Amino acid sequence: MIVFHMPWKIAEAKQRLSELLRQAADEPQEIANRERVVALVLGEKDMRDFLEWREAQRGESLAGALAEAQRICAEDGYVLPLEPRRDRLNAALQVNDVGRHKRRQ
């Protein structure tokens, strides 16, 4: 767990930027405006760790999973049997002669 020290005020962070950056190399530094944290300055290692964590949190996309399934099927010579597409009636879109929608019965 990361424990943050007293946040920097924006004006103080501007005036003492070099010190803020040196401290950020060791541990994250918060910058606050009216006691509300508005920014966090991270050192290189913390940023790299965060980016690795974020990448690990991303699951594979549906498109990626489908592409992988297609690749596996192609390698195994498997063809998925698909029925031909056909249009279906949509009762919600059927309109009678007067221009009003028909009620389903």
C-alpha atoms as a PDB file:
ATOM      1  CA  MET A   1       0.000   0.000   0.000  1.00  0.00           C
ATOM      2  CA  ILE A   2       1.296   3.446  -0.924  1.00  0.00           C
ATOM      3  CA  VAL A   3       1.138   6.032   1.840  1.00  0.00           C
ATOM      4  CA  PHE A   4       1.098   9.599   0.590  1.00  0.00           C
ATOM      5  CA  HIS A   5       2.587  12.469   2.530  1.00  0.00           C
ATOM      6  CA  MET A   6       0.965  15.862   2.791  1.00  0.00           C
ATOM      7  CA  PRO A   7      -0.042  16.954  -0.722  1.00  0.00           C
ATOM      8  CA  TRP A   8       1.786  19.802  -2.409  1.00  0.00           C
ATOM      9  CA  LYS A   9      -0.214  22.954  -3.014  1.00  0.00           C
ATOM     10  CA  ILE A  10      -0.163  24.019  -6.664  1.00  0.00           C
ATOM     11  CA  ALA A  11       1.794  27.237  -6.012  1.00  0.00           C
ATOM     12  CA  GLU A  12       4.326  25.372  -3.892  1.00  0.00           C
ATOM     13  CA  ALA A  13       4.690  22.676  -6.544  1.00  0.00           C
ATOM     14  CA  LYS A  14       5.429  25.358  -9.164  1.00  0.00           C
ATOM     15  CA  GLN A  15       8.017  27.089  -6.987  1.00  0.00           C
ATOM     16  CA  ARG A  16       9.750  23.874  -5.903  1.00  0.00           C
ATOM     17  CA  LEU A  17       9.358  21.786  -9.062  1.00  0.00           C
ATOM     18  CA  SER A  18      12.883  20.338  -8.932  1.00  0.00           C
ATOM     19  CA  GLU A  19      12.351  19.090  -5.380  1.00  0.00           C
ATOM     20  CA  LEU A  20       8.904  17.705  -6.263  1.00  0.00           C
ATOM     21  CA  LEU A  21      10.413  15.739  -9.163  1.00  0.00           C
ATOM     22  CA  ARG A  22      13.281  14.409  -7.009  1.00  0.00           C
ATOM     23  CA  GLN A  23      10.796  13.184  -4.407  1.00  0.00           C
ATOM     24  CA  ALA A  24       8.564  11.678  -7.106  1.00  0.00           C
ATOM     25  CA  ALA A  25      11.493   9.477  -8.147  1.00  0.00           C
ATOM     26  CA  ASP A  26      11.245   7.813  -4.705  1.00  0.00           C
ATOM     27  CA  GLU A  27       7.496   7.897  -4.130  1.00  0.00           C
ATOM     28  CA  PRO A  28       4.375   9.369  -5.798  1.00  0.00           C
ATOM     29  CA  GLN A  29       3.662  13.016  -5.008  1.00  0.00           C
ATOM     30  CA  GLU A  30       0.152  14.451  -4.769  1.00  0.00           C
ATOM     31  CA  ILE A  31      -0.683  17.994  -5.862  1.00  0.00           C
ATOM     32  CA  ALA A  32      -3.817  19.513  -4.355  1.00  0.00           C
ATOM     33  CA  ASN A  33      -6.016  22.520  -5.008  1.00  0.00           C
ATOM     34  CA  ARG A  34      -8.095  23.574  -2.016  1.00  0.00           C
ATOM     35  CA  GLU A  35      -7.414  20.256  -0.265  1.00  0.00           C
ATOM     36  CA  ARG A  36      -8.632  18.240  -3.281  1.00  0.00           C
ATOM     37  CA  VAL A  37      -6.020  16.145  -5.088  1.00  0.00           C
ATOM     38  CA  VAL A  38      -5.871  17.256  -8.718  1.00  0.00           C
ATOM     39  CA  ALA A  39      -2.661  15.563  -9.888  1.00  0.00           C
ATOM     40  CA  LEU A  40      -0.220  12.837  -9.044  1.00  0.00           C
ATOM     41  CA  VAL A  41       3.434  12.952 -10.092  1.00  0.00           C
ATOM     42  CA  LEU A  42       5.039   9.542 -10.548  1.00  0.00           C
ATOM     43  CA  GLY A  43       8.662   8.599 -10.980  1.00  0.00           C
ATOM     44  CA  GLU A  44       9.744   6.450 -13.909  1.00  0.00           C
ATOM     45  CA  LYS A  45       9.633   3.132 -12.005  1.00  0.00           C
ATOM     46  CA  ASP A  46       6.166   3.782 -10.559  1.00  0.00           C
ATOM     47  CA  MET A  47       4.891   4.813 -13.986  1.00  0.00           C
ATOM     48  CA  ARG A  48       6.359   1.699 -15.619  1.00  0.00           C
ATOM     49  CA  ASP A  49       4.789  -0.472 -12.888  1.00  0.00           C
ATOM     50  CA  PHE A  50       1.440   1.260 -13.407  1.00  0.00           C
ATOM     51  CA  LEU A  51       1.543   0.767 -17.194  1.00  0.00           C
ATOM     52  CA  GLU A  52       2.412  -2.925 -16.781  1.00  0.00           C
ATOM     53  CA  TRP A  53      -0.440  -3.338 -14.282  1.00  0.00           C
ATOM     54  CA  ARG A  54      -2.883  -1.552 -16.598  1.00  0.00           C
ATOM     55  CA  GLU A  55      -1.883  -3.734 -19.548  1.00  0.00           C
ATOM     56  CA  ALA A  56      -2.352  -6.861 -17.403  1.00  0.00           C
ATOM     57  CA  GLN A  57      -5.857  -5.672 -16.423  1.00  0.00           C
ATOM     58  CA  ARG A  58      -6.978  -5.416 -20.019  1.00  0.00           C
ATOM     59  CA  GLY A  59      -8.603  -8.589 -21.130  1.00  0.00           C
ATOM     60  CA  GLU A  60      -8.348  -9.783 -24.648  1.00  0.00           C
ATOM     61  CA  SER A  61     -10.865  -8.038 -26.857  1.00  0.00           C
ATOM     62  CA  LEU A  62     -13.744  -9.955 -28.427  1.00  0.00           C
ATOM     63  CA  ALA A  63     -12.239  -9.285 -31.860  1.00  0.00           C
ATOM     64  CA  GLY A  64      -8.934 -10.738 -30.677  1.00  0.00           C
ATOM     65  CA  ALA A  65     -10.620 -13.820 -29.225  1.00  0.00           C
ATOM     66  CA  LEU A  66     -12.570 -14.391 -32.459  1.00  0.00           C
ATOM     67  CA  ALA A  67      -9.426 -13.983 -34.552  1.00  0.00           C
ATOM     68  CA  GLU A  68      -7.685 -16.568 -32.354  1.00  0.00           C
ATOM     69  CA  ALA A  69     -10.636 -18.968 -32.740  1.00  0.00           C
ATOM     70  CA  GLN A  70     -10.504 -18.519 -36.532  1.00  0.00           C
ATOM     71  CA  ARG A  71      -6.767 -19.222 -36.526  1.00  0.00           C
ATOM     72  CA  ILE A  72      -7.226 -22.412 -34.487  1.00  0.00           C
ATOM     73  CA  CYS A  73     -10.062 -23.597 -36.751  1.00  0.00           C
ATOM     74  CA  ALA A  74      -7.959 -22.917 -39.853  1.00  0.00           C
ATOM     75  CA  GLU A  75      -5.006 -24.865 -38.401  1.00  0.00           C
ATOM     76  CA  ASP A  76      -7.251 -27.843 -37.590  1.00  0.00           C
ATOM     77  CA  GLY A  77      -9.093 -27.666 -40.921  1.00  0.00           C
ATOM     78  CA  TYR A  78     -12.388 -27.173 -39.098  1.00  0.00           C
ATOM     79  CA  VAL A  79     -15.219 -25.356 -40.842  1.00  0.00           C
ATOM     80  CA  LEU A  80     -18.088 -24.089 -38.725  1.00  0.00           C
ATOM     81  CA  PRO A  81     -21.377 -24.949 -40.435  1.00  0.00           C
ATOM     82  CA  LEU A  82     -23.504 -21.825 -40.713  1.00  0.00           C
ATOM     83  CA  GLU A  83     -27.090 -21.566 -41.868  1.00  0.00           C
ATOM     84  CA  PRO A  84     -27.642 -19.019 -44.615  1.00  0.00           C
ATOM     85  CA  ARG A  85     -28.940 -15.656 -43.403  1.00  0.00           C
ATOM     86  CA  ARG A  86     -32.609 -14.958 -43.847  1.00  0.00           C
ATOM     87  CA  ASP A  87     -34.733 -11.946 -43.117  1.00  0.00           C
ATOM     88  CA  ARG A  88     -37.246 -12.168 -40.312  1.00  0.00           C
ATOM     89  CA  LEU A  89     -40.374 -10.122 -39.818  1.00  0.00           C
ATOM     90  CA  ASN A  90     -40.179  -7.428 -37.211  1.00  0.00           C
ATOM     91  CA  ALA A  91     -43.667  -6.752 -35.870  1.00  0.00           C
ATOM     92  CA  ALA A  92     -42.555  -3.507 -34.270  1.00  0.00           C
ATOM     93  CA  LEU A  93     -41.704  -2.091 -37.695  1.00  0.00           C
ATOM     94  CA  GLN A  94     -44.759  -3.251 -39.644  1.00  0.00           C
ATOM     95  CA  VAL A  95     -46.986  -0.294 -40.514  1.00  0.00           C
ATOM     96  CA  ASN A  96     -50.612  -0.530 -41.648  1.00  0.00           C
ATOM     97  CA  ASP A  97     -52.127   1.470 -44.527  1.00  0.00           C
ATOM     98  CA  VAL A  98     -52.980   4.465 -42.326  1.00  0.00           C
ATOM     99  CA  GLY A  99     -49.383   4.888 -41.183  1.00  0.00           C
ATOM    100  CA  ARG A 100     -49.929   3.565 -37.685  1.00  0.00           C
ATOM    101  CA  HIS A 101     -48.134   0.595 -36.235  1.00  0.00           C
ATOM    102  CA  LYS A 102     -50.104  -2.618 -35.996  1.00  0.00           C
ATOM    103  CA  ARG A 103     -50.555  -4.088 -32.560  1.00  0.00           C
ATOM    104  CA  ARG A 104     -49.244  -7.559 -31.911  1.00  0.00           C
ATOM    105  CA  GLN A 105     -51.993 -10.016 -31.147  1.00  0.00           C
END
